[in-house]
Amino acid sequence: MAQETFGSYIRKLRERDNMPLRKLAAYLDIDQSTLSKIETNQRQPTREMVPLLAEVFKLDAKELSVKYLSEKILYEIRDEENGLDALRLAEKTISYNKKGKDKKR
């Protein structure tokens, strides 16, 4: 089963709330065509849109941020032959750096 994309998730939420494309686009301060491209995965949303979307749809901002970031990472590594290995190394590096920061506190 394919994972739901960030754009299709936003479209689903907008349609669930019977919100016109133009209204959400105006709230995000973008063109309707830009929002349409985001919803159809032809364009990536910006980081600044995430808290606004969480607010308008009354979602947990952290959860929505995680969904946004995971797709952004996927977008960057999906065509890389060693993408999964790079992701695992990044996870280890993040864990190592976090432990170092915790010790300094």
PDB file of N, CA and C in Angstrom:
ATOM      1  N   MET A   1       0.838  -1.190   0.000  1.00  0.00           N
ATOM      2  CA  MET A   1       0.000   0.000   0.000  1.00  0.00           C
ATOM      3  C   MET A   1       0.875   1.241   0.000  1.00  0.00           C
ATOM      4  N   ALA A   2       0.588   2.182  -0.860  1.00  0.00           N
ATOM      5  CA  ALA A   2       1.380   3.403  -0.972  1.00  0.00           C
ATOM      6  C   ALA A   2       1.075   4.338   0.195  1.00  0.00           C
ATOM      7  N   GLN A   3       2.128   4.982   0.672  1.00  0.00           N
ATOM      8  CA  GLN A   3       2.002   5.957   1.744  1.00  0.00           C
ATOM      9  C   GLN A   3       1.343   7.220   1.196  1.00  0.00           C
ATOM     10  N   GLU A   4       0.431   7.791   1.940  1.00  0.00           N
ATOM     11  CA  GLU A   4      -0.229   9.023   1.533  1.00  0.00           C
ATOM     12  C   GLU A   4       0.783  10.167   1.528  1.00  0.00           C
ATOM     13  N   THR A   5       0.780  10.952   0.476  1.00  0.00           N
ATOM     14  CA  THR A   5       1.716  12.069   0.388  1.00  0.00           C
ATOM     15  C   THR A   5       1.209  13.249   1.218  1.00  0.00           C
ATOM     16  N   PHE A   6       2.119  14.153   1.520  1.00  0.00           N
ATOM     17  CA  PHE A   6       1.754  15.352   2.271  1.00  0.00           C
ATOM     18  C   PHE A   6       0.686  16.144   1.516  1.00  0.00           C
ATOM     19  N   GLY A   7       0.901  16.296   0.223  1.00  0.00           N
ATOM     20  CA  GLY A   7      -0.055  17.046  -0.589  1.00  0.00           C
ATOM     21  C   GLY A   7      -1.440  16.424  -0.616  1.00  0.00           C
ATOM     22  N   SER A   8      -1.510  15.115  -0.809  1.00  0.00           N
ATOM     23  CA  SER A   8      -2.822  14.459  -0.839  1.00  0.00           C
ATOM     24  C   SER A   8      -3.489  14.492   0.542  1.00  0.00           C
ATOM     25  N   TYR A   9      -2.670  14.481   1.593  1.00  0.00           N
ATOM     26  CA  TYR A   9      -3.199  14.593   2.954  1.00  0.00           C
ATOM     27  C   TYR A   9      -3.847  15.965   3.159  1.00  0.00           C
ATOM     28  N   ILE A  10      -3.190  17.011   2.687  1.00  0.00           N
ATOM     29  CA  ILE A  10      -3.738  18.360   2.803  1.00  0.00           C
ATOM     30  C   ILE A  10      -5.031  18.474   1.997  1.00  0.00           C
ATOM     31  N   ARG A  11      -5.024  17.911   0.804  1.00  0.00           N
ATOM     32  CA  ARG A  11      -6.241  17.938  -0.022  1.00  0.00           C
ATOM     33  C   ARG A  11      -7.398  17.226   0.689  1.00  0.00           C
ATOM     34  N   LYS A  12      -7.098  16.077   1.284  1.00  0.00           N
ATOM     35  CA  LYS A  12      -8.124  15.319   1.998  1.00  0.00           C
ATOM     36  C   LYS A  12      -8.696  16.145   3.149  1.00  0.00           C
ATOM     37  N   LEU A  13      -7.837  16.808   3.895  1.00  0.00           N
ATOM     38  CA  LEU A  13      -8.286  17.646   5.015  1.00  0.00           C
ATOM     39  C   LEU A  13      -9.137  18.819   4.517  1.00  0.00           C
ATOM     40  N   ARG A  14      -8.684  19.435   3.451  1.00  0.00           N
ATOM     41  CA  ARG A  14      -9.427  20.575   2.891  1.00  0.00           C
ATOM     42  C   ARG A  14     -10.806  20.145   2.416  1.00  0.00           C
ATOM     43  N   GLU A  15     -10.867  19.019   1.733  1.00  0.00           N
ATOM     44  CA  GLU A  15     -12.149  18.513   1.245  1.00  0.00           C
ATOM     45  C   GLU A  15     -13.037  18.057   2.395  1.00  0.00           C
ATOM     46  N   ARG A  16     -12.437  17.453   3.411  1.00  0.00           N
ATOM     47  CA  ARG A  16     -13.200  17.036   4.600  1.00  0.00           C
ATOM     48  C   ARG A  16     -13.916  18.223   5.238  1.00  0.00           C
ATOM     49  N   ASP A  17     -13.220  19.358   5.256  1.00  0.00           N
ATOM     50  CA  ASP A  17     -13.775  20.568   5.869  1.00  0.00           C
ATOM     51  C   ASP A  17     -14.567  21.428   4.881  1.00  0.00           C
ATOM     52  N   ASN A  18     -14.787  20.899   3.673  1.00  0.00           N
ATOM     53  CA  ASN A  18     -15.503  21.636   2.629  1.00  0.00           C
ATOM     54  C   ASN A  18     -14.916  23.030   2.415  1.00  0.00           C
ATOM     55  N   MET A  19     -13.609  23.115   2.433  1.00  0.00           N
ATOM     56  CA  MET A  19     -12.920  24.390   2.267  1.00  0.00           C
ATOM     57  C   MET A  19     -12.513  24.559   0.804  1.00  0.00           C
ATOM     58  N   PRO A  20     -12.924  25.653   0.186  1.00  0.00           N
ATOM     59  CA  PRO A  20     -12.507  25.879  -1.201  1.00  0.00           C
ATOM     60  C   PRO A  20     -10.988  26.070  -1.298  1.00  0.00           C
ATOM     61  N   LEU A  21     -10.452  25.679  -2.418  1.00  0.00           N
ATOM     62  CA  LEU A  21      -9.026  25.827  -2.683  1.00  0.00           C
ATOM     63  C   LEU A  21      -8.597  27.284  -2.495  1.00  0.00           C
ATOM     64  N   ARG A  22      -9.417  28.204  -2.987  1.00  0.00           N
ATOM     65  CA  ARG A  22      -9.077  29.626  -2.910  1.00  0.00           C
ATOM     66  C   ARG A  22      -8.970  30.124  -1.473  1.00  0.00           C
ATOM     67  N   LYS A  23      -9.796  29.580  -0.584  1.00  0.00           N
ATOM     68  CA  LYS A  23      -9.778  30.012   0.815  1.00  0.00           C
ATOM     69  C   LYS A  23      -8.488  29.560   1.506  1.00  0.00           C
ATOM     70  N   LEU A  24      -8.105  28.300   1.316  1.00  0.00           N
ATOM     71  CA  LEU A  24      -6.867  27.819   1.928  1.00  0.00           C
ATOM     72  C   LEU A  24      -5.662  28.504   1.303  1.00  0.00           C
ATOM     73  N   ALA A  25      -5.691  28.711   0.002  1.00  0.00           N
ATOM     74  CA  ALA A  25      -4.590  29.406  -0.671  1.00  0.00           C
ATOM     75  C   ALA A  25      -4.434  30.814  -0.105  1.00  0.00           C
ATOM     76  N   ALA A  26      -5.539  31.507   0.113  1.00  0.00           N
ATOM     77  CA  ALA A  26      -5.482  32.860   0.668  1.00  0.00           C
ATOM     78  C   ALA A  26      -4.913  32.833   2.087  1.00  0.00           C
ATOM     79  N   TYR A  27      -5.305  31.852   2.873  1.00  0.00           N
ATOM     80  CA  TYR A  27      -4.797  31.724   4.251  1.00  0.00           C
ATOM     81  C   TYR A  27      -3.286  31.493   4.243  1.00  0.00           C
ATOM     82  N   LEU A  28      -2.806  30.727   3.270  1.00  0.00           N
ATOM     83  CA  LEU A  28      -1.374  30.435   3.157  1.00  0.00           C
ATOM     84  C   LEU A  28      -0.621  31.534   2.406  1.00  0.00           C
ATOM     85  N   ASP A  29      -1.365  32.491   1.852  1.00  0.00           N
ATOM     86  CA  ASP A  29      -0.805  33.600   1.088  1.00  0.00           C
ATOM     87  C   ASP A  29      -0.042  33.097  -0.145  1.00  0.00           C
ATOM     88  N   ILE A  30      -0.685  32.163  -0.866  1.00  0.00           N
ATOM     89  CA  ILE A  30      -0.131  31.637  -2.108  1.00  0.00           C
ATOM     90  C   ILE A  30      -1.235  31.611  -3.163  1.00  0.00           C
ATOM     91  N   ASP A  31      -0.850  31.452  -4.410  1.00  0.00           N
ATOM     92  CA  ASP A  31      -1.827  31.344  -5.499  1.00  0.00           C
ATOM     93  C   ASP A  31      -2.557  30.009  -5.406  1.00  0.00           C
ATOM     94  N   GLN A  32      -3.781  30.003  -5.928  1.00  0.00           N
ATOM     95  CA  GLN A  32      -4.543  28.758  -5.984  1.00  0.00           C
ATOM     96  C   GLN A  32      -3.806  27.708  -6.800  1.00  0.00           C
ATOM     97  N   SER A  33      -3.175  28.135  -7.870  1.00  0.00           N
ATOM     98  CA  SER A  33      -2.461  27.181  -8.725  1.00  0.00           C
ATOM     99  C   SER A  33      -1.289  26.544  -7.974  1.00  0.00           C
ATOM    100  N   THR A  34      -0.635  27.310  -7.112  1.00  0.00           N
ATOM    101  CA  THR A  34       0.467  26.763  -6.312  1.00  0.00           C
ATOM    102  C   THR A  34      -0.063  25.721  -5.343  1.00  0.00           C
ATOM    103  N   LEU A  35      -1.171  26.024  -4.678  1.00  0.00           N
ATOM    104  CA  LEU A  35      -1.756  25.060  -3.747  1.00  0.00           C
ATOM    105  C   LEU A  35      -2.210  23.811  -4.484  1.00  0.00           C
ATOM    106  N   SER A  36      -2.788  23.989  -5.647  1.00  0.00           N
ATOM    107  CA  SER A  36      -3.216  22.835  -6.445  1.00  0.00           C
ATOM    108  C   SER A  36      -2.023  21.943  -6.785  1.00  0.00           C
ATOM    109  N   LYS A  37      -0.902  22.553  -7.134  1.00  0.00           N
ATOM    110  CA  LYS A  37       0.299  21.776  -7.444  1.00  0.00           C
ATOM    111  C   LYS A  37       0.838  21.064  -6.210  1.00  0.00           C
ATOM    112  N   ILE A  38       0.724  21.685  -5.059  1.00  0.00           N
ATOM    113  CA  ILE A  38       1.146  21.026  -3.815  1.00  0.00           C
ATOM    114  C   ILE A  38       0.255  19.810  -3.553  1.00  0.00           C
ATOM    115  N   GLU A  39      -1.037  19.998  -3.706  1.00  0.00           N
ATOM    116  CA  GLU A  39      -1.973  18.904  -3.449  1.00  0.00           C
ATOM    117  C   GLU A  39      -1.826  17.744  -4.433  1.00  0.00           C
ATOM    118  N   THR A  40      -1.341  18.032  -5.625  1.00  0.00           N
ATOM    119  CA  THR A  40      -1.166  16.975  -6.625  1.00  0.00           C
ATOM    120  C   THR A  40       0.300  16.548  -6.739  1.00  0.00           C
ATOM    121  N   ASN A  41       1.101  16.945  -5.771  1.00  0.00           N
ATOM    122  CA  ASN A  41       2.509  16.532  -5.648  1.00  0.00           C
ATOM    123  C   ASN A  41       3.383  16.980  -6.817  1.00  0.00           C
ATOM    124  N   GLN A  42       3.019  18.062  -7.443  1.00  0.00           N
ATOM    125  CA  GLN A  42       3.844  18.638  -8.506  1.00  0.00           C
ATOM    126  C   GLN A  42       4.791  19.694  -7.950  1.00  0.00           C
ATOM    127  N   ARG A  43       4.553  20.061  -6.712  1.00  0.00           N
ATOM    128  CA  ARG A  43       5.362  21.077  -6.045  1.00  0.00           C
ATOM    129  C   ARG A  43       5.409  20.750  -4.555  1.00  0.00           C
ATOM    130  N   GLN A  44       6.515  21.120  -3.914  1.00  0.00           N
ATOM    131  CA  GLN A  44       6.680  20.868  -2.485  1.00  0.00           C
ATOM    132  C   GLN A  44       6.232  22.093  -1.677  1.00  0.00           C
ATOM    133  N   PRO A  45       5.559  21.875  -0.554  1.00  0.00           N
ATOM    134  CA  PRO A  45       5.201  23.015   0.300  1.00  0.00           C
ATOM    135  C   PRO A  45       6.447  23.565   0.985  1.00  0.00           C
ATOM    136  N   THR A  46       6.336  24.760   1.515  1.00  0.00           N
ATOM    137  CA  THR A  46       7.453  25.336   2.263  1.00  0.00           C
ATOM    138  C   THR A  46       7.297  24.991   3.742  1.00  0.00           C
ATOM    139  N   ARG A  47       8.382  25.074   4.460  1.00  0.00           N
ATOM    140  CA  ARG A  47       8.376  24.797   5.900  1.00  0.00           C
ATOM    141  C   ARG A  47       7.435  25.761   6.632  1.00  0.00           C
ATOM    142  N   GLU A  48       7.364  26.988   6.147  1.00  0.00           N
ATOM    143  CA  GLU A  48       6.528  28.002   6.783  1.00  0.00           C
ATOM    144  C   GLU A  48       5.038  27.684   6.699  1.00  0.00           C
ATOM    145  N   MET A  49       4.653  26.865   5.754  1.00  0.00           N
ATOM    146  CA  MET A  49       3.243  26.502   5.598  1.00  0.00           C
ATOM    147  C   MET A  49       2.778  25.508   6.665  1.00  0.00           C
ATOM    148  N   VAL A  50       3.689  24.725   7.194  1.00  0.00           N
ATOM    149  CA  VAL A  50       3.313  23.627   8.099  1.00  0.00           C
ATOM    150  C   VAL A  50       2.563  24.117   9.337  1.00  0.00           C
ATOM    151  N   PRO A  51       3.073  25.091  10.099  1.00  0.00           N
ATOM    152  CA  PRO A  51       2.309  25.532  11.275  1.00  0.00           C
ATOM    153  C   PRO A  51       0.977  26.188  10.905  1.00  0.00           C
ATOM    154  N   LEU A  52       0.930  26.841   9.754  1.00  0.00           N
ATOM    155  CA  LEU A  52      -0.335  27.440   9.313  1.00  0.00           C
ATOM    156  C   LEU A  52      -1.361  26.361   9.002  1.00  0.00           C
ATOM    157  N   LEU A  53      -0.909  25.302   8.337  1.00  0.00           N
ATOM    158  CA  LEU A  53      -1.811  24.188   8.028  1.00  0.00           C
ATOM    159  C   LEU A  53      -2.278  23.498   9.307  1.00  0.00           C
ATOM    160  N   ALA A  54      -1.376  23.328  10.256  1.00  0.00           N
ATOM    161  CA  ALA A  54      -1.750  22.713  11.531  1.00  0.00           C
ATOM    162  C   ALA A  54      -2.810  23.561  12.228  1.00  0.00           C
ATOM    163  N   GLU A  55      -2.645  24.867  12.161  1.00  0.00           N
ATOM    164  CA  GLU A  55      -3.600  25.779  12.805  1.00  0.00           C
ATOM    165  C   GLU A  55      -4.968  25.725  12.143  1.00  0.00           C
ATOM    166  N   VAL A  56      -4.986  25.831  10.820  1.00  0.00           N
ATOM    167  CA  VAL A  56      -6.263  25.881  10.110  1.00  0.00           C
ATOM    168  C   VAL A  56      -7.039  24.568  10.228  1.00  0.00           C
ATOM    169  N   PHE A  57      -6.331  23.440  10.261  1.00  0.00           N
ATOM    170  CA  PHE A  57      -7.007  22.152  10.344  1.00  0.00           C
ATOM    171  C   PHE A  57      -7.043  21.584  11.762  1.00  0.00           C
ATOM    172  N   LYS A  58      -6.562  22.375  12.726  1.00  0.00           N
ATOM    173  CA  LYS A  58      -6.559  21.981  14.140  1.00  0.00           C
ATOM    174  C   LYS A  58      -5.856  20.632  14.347  1.00  0.00           C
ATOM    175  N   LEU A  59      -4.626  20.582  13.829  1.00  0.00           N
ATOM    176  CA  LEU A  59      -3.813  19.377  13.925  1.00  0.00           C
ATOM    177  C   LEU A  59      -2.671  19.599  14.900  1.00  0.00           C
ATOM    178  N   ASP A  60      -2.089  18.518  15.371  1.00  0.00           N
ATOM    179  CA  ASP A  60      -0.893  18.593  16.187  1.00  0.00           C
ATOM    180  C   ASP A  60       0.250  19.067  15.287  1.00  0.00           C
ATOM    181  N   ALA A  61       0.846  20.201  15.628  1.00  0.00           N
ATOM    182  CA  ALA A  61       1.890  20.798  14.791  1.00  0.00           C
ATOM    183  C   ALA A  61       3.106  19.880  14.670  1.00  0.00           C
ATOM    184  N   LYS A  62       3.443  19.174  15.759  1.00  0.00           N
ATOM    185  CA  LYS A  62       4.594  18.278  15.717  1.00  0.00           C
ATOM    186  C   LYS A  62       4.347  17.122  14.745  1.00  0.00           C
ATOM    187  N   GLU A  63       3.173  16.521  14.824  1.00  0.00           N
ATOM    188  CA  GLU A  63       2.835  15.409  13.923  1.00  0.00           C
ATOM    189  C   GLU A  63       2.893  15.829  12.459  1.00  0.00           C
ATOM    190  N   LEU A  64       2.323  16.999  12.179  1.00  0.00           N
ATOM    191  CA  LEU A  64       2.317  17.478  10.802  1.00  0.00           C
ATOM    192  C   LEU A  64       3.738  17.806  10.345  1.00  0.00           C
ATOM    193  N   SER A  65       4.533  18.342  11.240  1.00  0.00           N
ATOM    194  CA  SER A  65       5.925  18.643  10.923  1.00  0.00           C
ATOM    195  C   SER A  65       6.704  17.372  10.600  1.00  0.00           C
ATOM    196  N   VAL A  66       6.471  16.327  11.366  1.00  0.00           N
ATOM    197  CA  VAL A  66       7.138  15.044  11.113  1.00  0.00           C
ATOM    198  C   VAL A  66       6.727  14.500   9.742  1.00  0.00           C
ATOM    199  N   LYS A  67       5.456  14.593   9.417  1.00  0.00           N
ATOM    200  CA  LYS A  67       4.972  14.130   8.105  1.00  0.00           C
ATOM    201  C   LYS A  67       5.639  14.940   6.991  1.00  0.00           C
ATOM    202  N   TYR A  68       5.731  16.248   7.174  1.00  0.00           N
ATOM    203  CA  TYR A  68       6.373  17.112   6.182  1.00  0.00           C
ATOM    204  C   TYR A  68       7.856  16.766   6.022  1.00  0.00           C
ATOM    205  N   LEU A  69       8.564  16.658   7.134  1.00  0.00           N
ATOM    206  CA  LEU A  69      10.004  16.379   7.088  1.00  0.00           C
ATOM    207  C   LEU A  69      10.307  15.003   6.495  1.00  0.00           C
ATOM    208  N   SER A  70       9.495  14.012   6.839  1.00  0.00           N
ATOM    209  CA  SER A  70       9.745  12.671   6.308  1.00  0.00           C
ATOM    210  C   SER A  70       9.612  12.655   4.789  1.00  0.00           C
ATOM    211  N   GLU A  71       8.635  13.382   4.279  1.00  0.00           N
ATOM    212  CA  GLU A  71       8.474  13.435   2.821  1.00  0.00           C
ATOM    213  C   GLU A  71       9.602  14.232   2.179  1.00  0.00           C
ATOM    214  N   LYS A  72      10.050  15.285   2.849  1.00  0.00           N
ATOM    215  CA  LYS A  72      11.163  16.083   2.330  1.00  0.00           C
ATOM    216  C   LYS A  72      12.432  15.235   2.235  1.00  0.00           C
ATOM    217  N   ILE A  73      12.680  14.433   3.258  1.00  0.00           N
ATOM    218  CA  ILE A  73      13.847  13.536   3.249  1.00  0.00           C
ATOM    219  C   ILE A  73      13.699  12.507   2.132  1.00  0.00           C
ATOM    220  N   LEU A  74      12.530  11.919   2.030  1.00  0.00           N
ATOM    221  CA  LEU A  74      12.281  10.950   0.963  1.00  0.00           C
ATOM    222  C   LEU A  74      12.534  11.568  -0.404  1.00  0.00           C
ATOM    223  N   TYR A  75      12.048  12.776  -0.594  1.00  0.00           N
ATOM    224  CA  TYR A  75      12.219  13.467  -1.870  1.00  0.00           C
ATOM    225  C   TYR A  75      13.699  13.630  -2.216  1.00  0.00           C
ATOM    226  N   GLU A  76      14.512  13.881  -1.207  1.00  0.00           N
ATOM    227  CA  GLU A  76      15.945  14.083  -1.427  1.00  0.00           C
ATOM    228  C   GLU A  76      16.696  12.790  -1.742  1.00  0.00           C
ATOM    229  N   ILE A  77      16.290  11.671  -1.129  1.00  0.00           N
ATOM    230  CA  ILE A  77      17.084  10.444  -1.262  1.00  0.00           C
ATOM    231  C   ILE A  77      16.447   9.350  -2.113  1.00  0.00           C
ATOM    232  N   ARG A  78      15.252   9.559  -2.588  1.00  0.00           N
ATOM    233  CA  ARG A  78      14.515   8.477  -3.256  1.00  0.00           C
ATOM    234  C   ARG A  78      15.220   7.887  -4.471  1.00  0.00           C
ATOM    235  N   ASP A  79      15.948   8.686  -5.207  1.00  0.00           N
ATOM    236  CA  ASP A  79      16.609   8.184  -6.409  1.00  0.00           C
ATOM    237  C   ASP A  79      18.076   7.831  -6.180  1.00  0.00           C
ATOM    238  N   GLU A  80      18.515   7.933  -4.954  1.00  0.00           N
ATOM    239  CA  GLU A  80      19.906   7.632  -4.631  1.00  0.00           C
ATOM    240  C   GLU A  80      20.078   6.136  -4.406  1.00  0.00           C
ATOM    241  N   GLU A  81      21.084   5.579  -5.011  1.00  0.00           N
ATOM    242  CA  GLU A  81      21.352   4.149  -4.870  1.00  0.00           C
ATOM    243  C   GLU A  81      21.596   3.771  -3.409  1.00  0.00           C
ATOM    244  N   ASN A  82      22.274   4.621  -2.679  1.00  0.00           N
ATOM    245  CA  ASN A  82      22.614   4.349  -1.280  1.00  0.00           C
ATOM    246  C   ASN A  82      21.787   5.183  -0.312  1.00  0.00           C
ATOM    247  N   GLY A  83      20.602   5.573  -0.730  1.00  0.00           N
ATOM    248  CA  GLY A  83      19.752   6.436   0.079  1.00  0.00           C
ATOM    249  C   GLY A  83      19.418   5.873   1.447  1.00  0.00           C
ATOM    250  N   LEU A  84      19.066   4.609   1.503  1.00  0.00           N
ATOM    251  CA  LEU A  84      18.705   3.998   2.779  1.00  0.00           C
ATOM    252  C   LEU A  84      19.908   3.918   3.719  1.00  0.00           C
ATOM    253  N   ASP A  85      21.067   3.603   3.171  1.00  0.00           N
ATOM    254  CA  ASP A  85      22.279   3.579   3.991  1.00  0.00           C
ATOM    255  C   ASP A  85      22.595   4.970   4.528  1.00  0.00           C
ATOM    256  N   ALA A  86      22.423   5.976   3.696  1.00  0.00           N
ATOM    257  CA  ALA A  86      22.666   7.353   4.125  1.00  0.00           C
ATOM    258  C   ALA A  86      21.689   7.745   5.229  1.00  0.00           C
ATOM    259  N   LEU A  87      20.454   7.322   5.103  1.00  0.00           N
ATOM    260  CA  LEU A  87      19.447   7.617   6.125  1.00  0.00           C
ATOM    261  C   LEU A  87      19.801   6.956   7.455  1.00  0.00           C
ATOM    262  N   ARG A  88      20.259   5.727   7.401  1.00  0.00           N
ATOM    263  CA  ARG A  88      20.671   5.020   8.634  1.00  0.00           C
ATOM    264  C   ARG A  88      21.859   5.720   9.296  1.00  0.00           C
ATOM    265  N   LEU A  89      22.832   6.143   8.490  1.00  0.00           N
ATOM    266  CA  LEU A  89      23.986   6.847   9.036  1.00  0.00           C
ATOM    267  C   LEU A  89      23.559   8.183   9.640  1.00  0.00           C
ATOM    268  N   ALA A  90      22.665   8.876   8.981  1.00  0.00           N
ATOM    269  CA  ALA A  90      22.169  10.149   9.512  1.00  0.00           C
ATOM    270  C   ALA A  90      21.480   9.934  10.857  1.00  0.00           C
ATOM    271  N   GLU A  91      20.711   8.852  10.969  1.00  0.00           N
ATOM    272  CA  GLU A  91      20.036   8.540  12.233  1.00  0.00           C
ATOM    273  C   GLU A  91      21.052   8.301  13.350  1.00  0.00           C
ATOM    274  N   LYS A  92      22.112   7.562  13.044  1.00  0.00           N
ATOM    275  CA  LYS A  92      23.159   7.318  14.037  1.00  0.00           C
ATOM    276  C   LYS A  92      23.853   8.620  14.429  1.00  0.00           C
ATOM    277  N   THR A  93      24.124   9.456  13.445  1.00  0.00           N
ATOM    278  CA  THR A  93      24.788  10.730  13.704  1.00  0.00           C
ATOM    279  C   THR A  93      23.922  11.626  14.578  1.00  0.00           C
ATOM    280  N   ILE A  94      22.643  11.663  14.291  1.00  0.00           N
ATOM    281  CA  ILE A  94      21.724  12.460  15.098  1.00  0.00           C
ATOM    282  C   ILE A  94      21.708  11.946  16.533  1.00  0.00           C
ATOM    283  N   SER A  95      21.634  10.630  16.705  1.00  0.00           N
ATOM    284  CA  SER A  95      21.637  10.041  18.053  1.00  0.00           C
ATOM    285  C   SER A  95      22.926  10.371  18.786  1.00  0.00           C
ATOM    286  N   TYR A  96      24.056  10.273  18.104  1.00  0.00           N
ATOM    287  CA  TYR A  96      25.354  10.560  18.705  1.00  0.00           C
ATOM    288  C   TYR A  96      25.429  12.033  19.120  1.00  0.00           C
ATOM    289  N   ASN A  97      25.008  12.922  18.231  1.00  0.00           N
ATOM    290  CA  ASN A  97      25.050  14.350  18.539  1.00  0.00           C
ATOM    291  C   ASN A  97      24.108  14.712  19.680  1.00  0.00           C
ATOM    292  N   LYS A  98      22.960  14.060  19.733  1.00  0.00           N
ATOM    293  CA  LYS A  98      22.003  14.318  20.811  1.00  0.00           C
ATOM    294  C   LYS A  98      22.592  13.890  22.152  1.00  0.00           C
ATOM    295  N   LYS A  99      23.253  12.750  22.190  1.00  0.00           N
ATOM    296  CA  LYS A  99      23.880  12.275  23.429  1.00  0.00           C
ATOM    297  C   LYS A  99      24.954  13.250  23.894  1.00  0.00           C
ATOM    298  N   GLY A 100      25.726  13.780  22.965  1.00  0.00           N
ATOM    299  CA  GLY A 100      26.771  14.753  23.301  1.00  0.00           C
ATOM    300  C   GLY A 100      26.181  16.030  23.887  1.00  0.00           C
ATOM    301  N   LYS A 101      25.059  16.475  23.345  1.00  0.00           N
ATOM    302  CA  LYS A 101      24.398  17.676  23.858  1.00  0.00           C
ATOM    303  C   LYS A 101      23.826  17.438  25.246  1.00  0.00           C
ATOM    304  N   ASP A 102      23.271  16.240  25.455  1.00  0.00           N
ATOM    305  CA  ASP A 102      22.685  15.918  26.762  1.00  0.00           C
ATOM    306  C   ASP A 102      23.752  15.904  27.840  1.00  0.00           C
ATOM    307  N   LYS A 103      24.957  15.452  27.524  1.00  0.00           N
ATOM    308  CA  LYS A 103      26.044  15.407  28.498  1.00  0.00           C
ATOM    309  C   LYS A 103      26.511  16.799  28.902  1.00  0.00           C
ATOM    310  N   LYS A 104      26.402  17.763  27.973  1.00  0.00           N
ATOM    311  CA  LYS A 104      26.866  19.122  28.237  1.00  0.00           C
ATOM    312  C   LYS A 104      25.908  19.884  29.135  1.00  0.00           C
ATOM    313  N   ARG A 105      24.715  19.425  29.262  1.00  0.00           N
ATOM    314  CA  ARG A 105      23.687  20.150  30.058  1.00  0.00           C
ATOM    315  C   ARG A 105      23.880  19.977  31.509  1.00  0.00           C
TER     316      ARG A 105
END
